[in-house]
N, C-alpha and C. Protein backbone atom coordinates (compact mmCIF):
# COMPACT_ATOMS: atom_id res chain seq x y z
N MET A 1 -0.33 64.99 73.27
CA MET A 1 0.15 66.05 73.77
C MET A 1 0.74 64.01 74.27
N LYS A 2 0.81 63.53 75.30
CA LYS A 2 1.42 63.34 76.07
C LYS A 2 1.72 62.17 75.40
N LYS A 3 0.87 61.63 73.78
CA LYS A 3 1.13 60.50 73.11
C LYS A 3 2.92 61.26 72.55
N THR A 4 2.57 62.93 72.87
CA THR A 4 4.07 62.54 71.63
C THR A 4 4.61 62.84 72.60
N VAL A 5 5.05 63.09 73.36
CA VAL A 5 6.22 62.98 74.45
C VAL A 5 6.37 62.18 75.25
N LEU A 6 5.96 60.85 74.58
CA LEU A 6 6.39 60.10 74.92
C LEU A 6 6.22 59.01 73.75
N LEU A 7 6.63 59.99 72.54
CA LEU A 7 7.23 58.75 70.75
C LEU A 7 8.00 59.65 71.02
N VAL A 8 8.88 61.35 71.14
CA VAL A 8 9.82 61.91 71.34
C VAL A 8 10.82 61.37 72.76
N LEU A 9 10.22 61.02 73.74
CA LEU A 9 11.21 60.28 74.22
C LEU A 9 11.98 58.48 73.76
N LEU A 10 10.87 58.20 73.17
CA LEU A 10 11.44 57.10 72.04
C LEU A 10 11.93 57.17 71.28
N LEU A 11 11.82 58.06 70.55
CA LEU A 11 13.26 57.90 69.47
C LEU A 11 14.25 59.28 70.19
N GLY A 12 14.28 59.06 71.40
CA GLY A 12 15.18 59.62 71.73
C GLY A 12 16.62 58.09 72.40
N PHE A 13 15.37 57.65 72.64
CA PHE A 13 15.99 56.12 73.17
C PHE A 13 16.51 55.36 71.52
N LEU A 14 15.81 55.72 71.51
CA LEU A 14 15.99 55.12 69.81
C LEU A 14 17.38 54.90 69.48
N SER A 15 18.01 56.41 69.50
CA SER A 15 18.34 57.70 68.42
C SER A 15 19.95 57.28 69.31
N ALA A 16 20.14 57.64 70.54
CA ALA A 16 20.49 56.49 71.59
C ALA A 16 21.41 55.48 71.70
N LEU A 17 20.73 54.40 71.69
CA LEU A 17 20.44 53.49 71.09
C LEU A 17 21.00 53.40 69.64
N CYS A 18 21.06 53.97 68.22
CA CYS A 18 21.81 54.69 66.67
C CYS A 18 22.70 54.32 66.44
N GLY A 19 23.16 55.99 67.96
CA GLY A 19 25.01 56.14 67.91
C GLY A 19 25.12 55.48 68.32
N TYR A 20 24.60 54.79 69.58
CA TYR A 20 26.08 53.23 70.30
C TYR A 20 26.52 52.43 68.85
N LEU A 21 25.47 52.33 68.83
CA LEU A 21 25.46 50.59 67.48
C LEU A 21 26.79 51.33 66.71
N LEU A 22 26.47 51.89 65.86
CA LEU A 22 27.24 52.97 64.84
C LEU A 22 28.55 53.13 65.25
N SER A 23 28.71 53.60 66.81
CA SER A 23 30.13 54.19 67.21
C SER A 23 30.71 52.90 67.44
N LYS A 24 30.17 51.56 66.94
CA LYS A 24 30.45 50.10 67.60
C LYS A 24 30.70 49.67 66.28
N ALA A 25 31.31 49.22 64.88
CA ALA A 25 31.88 49.32 63.61
C ALA A 25 33.22 49.15 63.89
N SER A 26 33.09 48.27 62.64
CA SER A 26 34.67 47.00 63.11
C SER A 26 35.57 47.52 63.19
N LEU A 27 36.61 47.02 63.75
CA LEU A 27 38.19 47.28 63.22
C LEU A 27 37.98 47.50 62.10
N ALA A 28 38.09 47.26 60.78
CA ALA A 28 38.63 47.36 59.13
C ALA A 28 37.33 49.03 59.38
N GLY A 29 35.97 48.99 59.41
CA GLY A 29 35.09 49.60 59.36
C GLY A 29 35.86 51.20 59.68
N ARG A 30 36.20 50.89 60.77
CA ARG A 30 36.47 52.80 61.68
C ARG A 30 37.92 53.10 61.20
N VAL A 31 38.69 51.47 61.05
CA VAL A 31 40.31 52.49 60.07
C VAL A 31 39.50 53.12 58.59
N GLY A 32 38.40 52.37 58.58
CA GLY A 32 38.08 53.23 56.69
C GLY A 32 37.21 53.98 57.27
N ILE A 33 36.70 54.58 58.13
CA ILE A 33 36.60 55.81 58.45
C ILE A 33 37.05 56.98 59.00
N SER A 34 37.94 56.76 59.53
CA SER A 34 38.62 57.88 59.31
C SER A 34 39.58 58.19 57.88
N VAL A 35 40.34 56.92 57.33
CA VAL A 35 41.38 57.21 56.39
C VAL A 35 41.07 57.81 55.09
N PHE A 36 39.52 57.34 54.48
CA PHE A 36 38.91 57.40 52.96
C PHE A 36 37.96 58.48 53.67
N TYR A 37 36.76 57.75 54.39
CA TYR A 37 35.85 58.73 55.19
C TYR A 37 35.57 59.29 55.32
N LYS A 38 35.80 60.51 56.40
CA LYS A 38 36.37 61.11 56.85
C LYS A 38 34.68 62.19 56.70
N LYS A 39 34.31 62.63 56.41
CA LYS A 39 33.04 63.43 56.41
C LYS A 39 32.56 62.08 57.37
N TYR A 40 32.20 61.27 57.39
CA TYR A 40 31.46 60.37 58.64
C TYR A 40 32.04 59.78 60.06
N HIS A 41 33.35 60.72 60.42
CA HIS A 41 33.62 61.11 61.48
C HIS A 41 33.18 61.46 62.83
N PHE A 42 32.26 61.98 62.13
CA PHE A 42 31.81 61.28 63.66
C PHE A 42 30.17 60.28 63.60
N LEU A 43 29.89 59.18 63.29
CA LEU A 43 30.10 58.54 63.39
C LEU A 43 30.73 57.15 64.34
N LYS A 44 31.77 57.93 65.03
CA LYS A 44 33.19 57.45 65.15
C LYS A 44 31.91 57.63 66.72
N VAL A 45 32.07 59.32 67.33
CA VAL A 45 31.58 59.10 69.07
C VAL A 45 29.60 58.50 68.48
N TRP A 46 29.56 57.92 69.15
CA TRP A 46 27.89 57.87 70.26
C TRP A 46 27.10 58.59 70.35
N TRP A 47 27.63 59.62 70.91
CA TRP A 47 26.98 60.81 70.79
C TRP A 47 26.09 61.41 69.25
N GLN A 48 27.10 62.27 69.06
CA GLN A 48 27.06 62.98 67.69
C GLN A 48 26.01 61.82 66.55
N GLY A 49 25.94 60.75 66.50
CA GLY A 49 25.70 60.44 66.27
C GLY A 49 24.28 59.94 66.26
N ALA A 50 23.92 60.35 67.11
CA ALA A 50 22.62 59.64 68.52
C ALA A 50 22.04 60.92 67.67
N LEU A 51 22.85 62.10 68.08
CA LEU A 51 22.30 63.57 67.59
C LEU A 51 21.76 63.49 66.15
N VAL A 52 22.30 63.38 65.54
CA VAL A 52 22.22 63.41 64.51
C VAL A 52 21.12 63.39 63.68
N ILE A 53 20.98 62.16 64.42
CA ILE A 53 19.97 60.66 63.89
C ILE A 53 18.78 60.87 64.40
N PHE A 54 18.31 61.98 65.65
CA PHE A 54 17.57 62.57 66.92
C PHE A 54 17.17 64.68 66.02
N ILE A 55 18.05 63.98 65.54
CA ILE A 55 16.94 65.25 65.29
C ILE A 55 16.80 65.25 62.88
N VAL A 56 17.46 64.70 62.86
CA VAL A 56 16.50 63.86 61.67
C VAL A 56 15.06 62.63 61.73
N LEU A 57 14.74 62.14 63.21
CA LEU A 57 13.53 61.35 63.66
C LEU A 57 12.90 62.28 64.02
N ILE A 58 13.88 64.14 64.36
CA ILE A 58 12.14 65.15 64.49
C ILE A 58 11.97 65.58 64.53
N SER A 59 12.71 65.67 62.63
CA SER A 59 12.64 66.55 61.89
C SER A 59 11.79 66.46 60.66
N LEU A 60 11.36 65.11 60.41
CA LEU A 60 10.50 63.92 60.06
C LEU A 60 8.79 64.38 60.76
N LEU A 61 9.23 64.30 62.61
CA LEU A 61 7.96 64.18 63.38
C LEU A 61 7.27 65.80 63.08
N LEU A 62 8.05 66.29 63.02
CA LEU A 62 8.00 67.93 63.15
C LEU A 62 6.63 67.74 61.10
N ILE A 63 7.58 67.60 60.55
CA ILE A 63 6.52 67.95 58.47
C ILE A 63 5.91 66.47 58.77
N GLN A 64 6.00 65.60 59.38
CA GLN A 64 4.92 64.53 58.86
C GLN A 64 3.71 65.59 59.99
N GLY A 65 4.19 65.86 61.42
CA GLY A 65 2.69 66.51 62.33
C GLY A 65 2.10 67.45 61.37
N TRP A 66 3.44 68.49 60.53
CA TRP A 66 2.98 69.47 60.29
C TRP A 66 1.60 69.07 59.39
N ALA A 67 1.87 68.11 58.77
CA ALA A 67 1.02 68.15 57.11
C ALA A 67 -0.15 67.21 57.42
N GLU A 68 0.09 67.32 58.71
CA GLU A 68 -1.08 65.93 59.66
C GLU A 68 -2.28 66.93 59.61
N GLN A 69 -1.97 68.06 60.33
CA GLN A 69 -2.97 69.80 61.05
C GLN A 69 -3.23 69.95 58.94
N LYS A 70 -2.12 69.24 58.11
CA LYS A 70 -2.45 71.31 57.13
C LYS A 70 -3.88 70.16 56.17
N LEU A 71 -3.67 69.21 55.75
CA LEU A 71 -3.79 67.64 55.04
C LEU A 71 -5.39 67.71 55.15
N LEU A 72 -6.56 66.66 54.65
CA LEU A 72 -7.08 66.04 54.79
C LEU A 72 -6.88 64.88 55.36
N LYS A 73 -7.71 64.19 56.64
CA LYS A 73 -7.17 62.80 57.15
C LYS A 73 -6.83 62.12 55.06
N ARG A 74 -7.62 61.54 54.88
CA ARG A 74 -7.48 60.47 53.85
C ARG A 74 -6.11 61.11 53.76
N LYS A 75 -5.76 62.58 52.47
CA LYS A 75 -4.39 62.27 52.14
C LYS A 75 -3.01 62.11 53.53
N ALA A 76 -4.28 63.33 54.47
CA ALA A 76 -2.78 62.34 55.14
C ALA A 76 -2.42 61.63 55.30
N ASN A 77 -3.06 60.56 55.49
CA ASN A 77 -3.34 59.03 56.17
C ASN A 77 -2.29 58.05 54.52
N ASN A 78 -2.29 58.38 52.80
CA ASN A 78 -2.01 58.34 52.46
C ASN A 78 -0.14 59.00 52.73
N LEU A 79 0.06 59.80 53.13
CA LEU A 79 1.76 60.43 52.77
C LEU A 79 2.10 60.00 53.51
N HIS A 80 0.83 58.94 55.03
CA HIS A 80 2.49 58.57 56.29
C HIS A 80 2.94 56.84 54.86
N ILE A 81 1.30 56.73 54.91
CA ILE A 81 2.24 55.49 53.75
C ILE A 81 3.02 55.99 53.22
N ALA A 82 2.11 56.45 52.74
CA ALA A 82 3.89 57.01 51.62
C ALA A 82 5.16 56.60 52.19
N THR A 83 5.50 57.59 53.24
CA THR A 83 6.50 57.81 53.66
C THR A 83 6.82 56.17 53.98
N ILE A 84 5.61 55.32 55.18
CA ILE A 84 6.05 54.36 54.82
C ILE A 84 6.94 52.98 54.42
N VAL A 85 5.97 53.23 53.47
CA VAL A 85 6.80 52.58 52.10
C VAL A 85 8.67 52.70 52.34
N LEU A 86 8.85 53.71 51.88
CA LEU A 86 9.36 55.38 51.35
C LEU A 86 10.55 54.63 52.93
N ALA A 87 10.61 54.34 54.09
CA ALA A 87 11.09 54.03 54.89
C ALA A 87 11.38 52.54 54.58
N ALA A 88 10.56 51.46 54.39
CA ALA A 88 11.20 50.19 54.24
C ALA A 88 11.55 49.67 52.99
N ALA A 89 11.67 50.41 52.03
CA ALA A 89 12.83 50.98 50.14
C ALA A 89 14.23 51.00 50.59
N GLY A 90 13.74 51.66 51.74
CA GLY A 90 14.96 52.54 52.61
C GLY A 90 15.28 51.40 53.02
N LEU A 91 15.15 50.70 54.10
CA LEU A 91 15.89 49.41 55.20
C LEU A 91 15.80 47.88 53.54
N PHE A 92 15.57 48.60 53.25
CA PHE A 92 15.53 46.85 52.20
C PHE A 92 16.94 47.67 51.06
N PHE A 93 17.66 48.50 50.76
CA PHE A 93 18.36 49.34 50.24
C PHE A 93 19.17 48.87 51.59
N THR A 94 19.62 49.55 52.22
CA THR A 94 20.40 49.13 53.55
C THR A 94 20.83 47.89 53.62
N TRP A 95 20.45 47.45 53.19
CA TRP A 95 20.33 45.62 53.77
C TRP A 95 21.06 44.85 53.09
N TYR A 96 20.01 45.34 51.64
CA TYR A 96 21.28 45.38 50.32
C TYR A 96 22.77 45.58 49.92
N ASP A 97 22.47 46.38 49.98
CA ASP A 97 24.26 47.64 50.09
C ASP A 97 25.04 47.33 51.45
N PHE A 98 24.69 46.89 53.16
CA PHE A 98 25.53 46.37 53.45
C PHE A 98 25.93 44.67 53.13
N ARG A 99 24.45 44.04 52.03
CA ARG A 99 25.31 42.33 51.80
C ARG A 99 25.84 42.14 50.64
N HIS A 100 26.08 43.45 49.73
CA HIS A 100 26.81 43.29 48.63
C HIS A 100 28.15 44.30 48.57
N THR A 101 28.09 44.83 49.32
CA THR A 101 29.26 46.26 49.25
C THR A 101 30.14 44.90 49.71
N THR A 102 31.74 44.94 49.70
CA THR A 102 32.35 44.98 50.62
C THR A 102 32.95 46.46 51.59
N THR A 103 33.11 47.28 51.06
CA THR A 103 33.42 48.03 52.15
C THR A 103 32.64 48.11 53.30
N HIS A 104 31.62 48.26 52.90
CA HIS A 104 30.49 47.92 54.08
C HIS A 104 30.09 47.29 54.74
N ARG A 105 29.89 46.39 54.23
CA ARG A 105 29.71 44.46 54.52
C ARG A 105 31.56 44.59 55.78
N LEU A 106 32.46 45.04 55.35
CA LEU A 106 33.32 44.81 56.93
C LEU A 106 32.76 45.97 58.32
N LEU A 107 31.70 46.54 57.66
CA LEU A 107 31.75 47.99 59.07
C LEU A 107 30.82 47.02 59.66
N GLY A 108 30.34 45.74 59.86
CA GLY A 108 29.97 44.55 61.78
C GLY A 108 29.09 45.09 61.92
N GLU A 109 28.15 43.89 62.20
CA GLU A 109 26.96 43.97 62.81
C GLU A 109 25.77 44.78 63.83
N ARG A 110 27.09 45.13 64.74
CA ARG A 110 26.73 45.93 65.79
C ARG A 110 26.14 47.25 65.14
N PHE A 111 26.85 47.85 64.00
CA PHE A 111 26.67 49.21 62.20
C PHE A 111 25.50 48.99 61.51
N HIS A 112 25.93 48.13 61.36
CA HIS A 112 24.01 47.22 60.37
C HIS A 112 22.98 47.93 60.98
N ILE A 113 22.65 46.68 62.21
CA ILE A 113 21.28 46.92 62.57
C ILE A 113 21.70 48.64 63.40
N GLY A 114 22.36 49.24 63.91
CA GLY A 114 22.75 50.49 63.87
C GLY A 114 21.95 51.01 62.51
N ALA A 115 21.73 50.83 61.60
CA ALA A 115 21.45 51.65 60.39
C ALA A 115 20.45 51.57 60.38
N TYR A 116 19.98 50.23 60.50
CA TYR A 116 18.49 48.80 60.48
C TYR A 116 17.41 50.10 61.48
N LEU A 117 17.67 50.44 62.81
CA LEU A 117 17.18 50.95 64.09
C LEU A 117 16.63 52.84 62.44
N PHE A 118 17.33 53.19 62.16
CA PHE A 118 16.58 54.78 61.98
C PHE A 118 15.27 54.14 61.17
N TRP A 119 16.01 53.59 60.72
CA TRP A 119 14.17 53.49 59.10
C TRP A 119 12.62 53.01 59.94
N ILE A 120 13.61 51.36 60.86
CA ILE A 120 12.21 51.46 61.81
C ILE A 120 11.82 52.74 62.64
N GLY A 121 12.38 53.81 62.77
CA GLY A 121 12.22 54.20 63.42
C GLY A 121 11.60 54.82 62.91
N TRP A 122 11.97 55.75 61.42
CA TRP A 122 11.16 56.19 60.90
C TRP A 122 8.99 56.15 60.66
N MET A 123 9.31 54.14 60.93
CA MET A 123 8.09 53.93 60.70
C MET A 123 7.43 53.79 61.70
N ILE A 124 7.71 54.78 62.81
CA ILE A 124 7.61 54.75 63.99
C ILE A 124 6.69 55.84 64.08
N VAL A 125 7.34 57.06 63.43
CA VAL A 125 6.05 58.34 63.06
C VAL A 125 5.07 57.96 62.27
N SER A 126 6.12 57.99 61.66
CA SER A 126 4.76 57.04 60.88
C SER A 126 3.49 57.04 60.91
N LEU A 127 3.62 55.16 61.58
CA LEU A 127 2.53 55.27 62.29
C LEU A 127 1.90 54.88 63.29
N PHE A 128 3.03 56.60 63.80
CA PHE A 128 1.92 56.91 65.32
C PHE A 128 1.28 58.47 64.54
N TYR A 129 1.48 58.66 63.31
CA TYR A 129 -0.05 59.51 63.52
C TYR A 129 -0.92 59.29 62.82
N LEU A 130 -0.55 57.46 61.95
CA LEU A 130 -1.42 56.82 61.07
C LEU A 130 -3.00 55.83 62.42
N THR A 131 -1.77 56.23 63.58
CA THR A 131 -3.17 55.88 64.17
C THR A 131 -3.53 56.98 65.58
N GLN A 132 -3.18 57.49 65.49
CA GLN A 132 -4.36 58.94 65.66
C GLN A 132 -5.58 59.37 65.11
N GLN A 133 -5.86 59.28 66.20
CA GLN A 133 -7.78 60.26 65.79
C GLN A 133 -8.25 61.71 65.33
N LYS A 134 -8.10 62.29 63.94
CA LYS A 134 -8.64 63.04 63.20
C LYS A 134 -10.11 62.96 62.95
N LYS A 135 -10.24 64.48 63.32
CA LYS A 135 -11.71 64.73 62.94
C LYS A 135 -11.47 65.25 61.69
N GLU A 136 -12.54 64.21 61.17
CA GLU A 136 -12.50 64.96 59.24
C GLU A 136 -13.53 66.39 58.93
N ILE A 137 -12.54 66.33 57.57
CA ILE A 137 -13.22 68.05 57.73
C ILE A 137 -13.48 67.72 56.46
N ALA A 138 -14.37 68.79 56.22
CA ALA A 138 -15.27 68.55 54.51
C ALA A 138 -14.55 69.49 53.90
N GLU A 139 -14.35 68.87 52.08
CA GLU A 139 -13.59 69.10 51.36
C GLU A 139 -14.09 70.97 51.49
N PRO A 140 -13.46 72.37 50.93
CA PRO A 140 -14.36 72.99 49.97
C PRO A 140 -14.87 73.09 48.91
């Protein structure tokens, strides 16, 4: 329980940092969000972006925690490894998109780092469950 509270605090800090960095898009990026991508307007306000990221990370924590309790150790570990692979793929494709799409490249490095930290946060959640001790339950 104590480790989970520390993880939630870490995710809160990471979400606040992501929200702050995402709100620091370049001038061209802020104009683009205001004019063309209005559904992402929440990214311009740091606490709104942080709240969205925190809710998503906590949701992933709860879903993976539920799977950790309901699945056998081996299956739960396979799930957590698969989510690490998904998060790493998301990180790669985010990086690739930011490097090869002109409009996304104009958002600036701080914005990019904020997006990368989201994927790293998901990897931290998965690694948290992979490192937890779980009693082996015999299969029926």
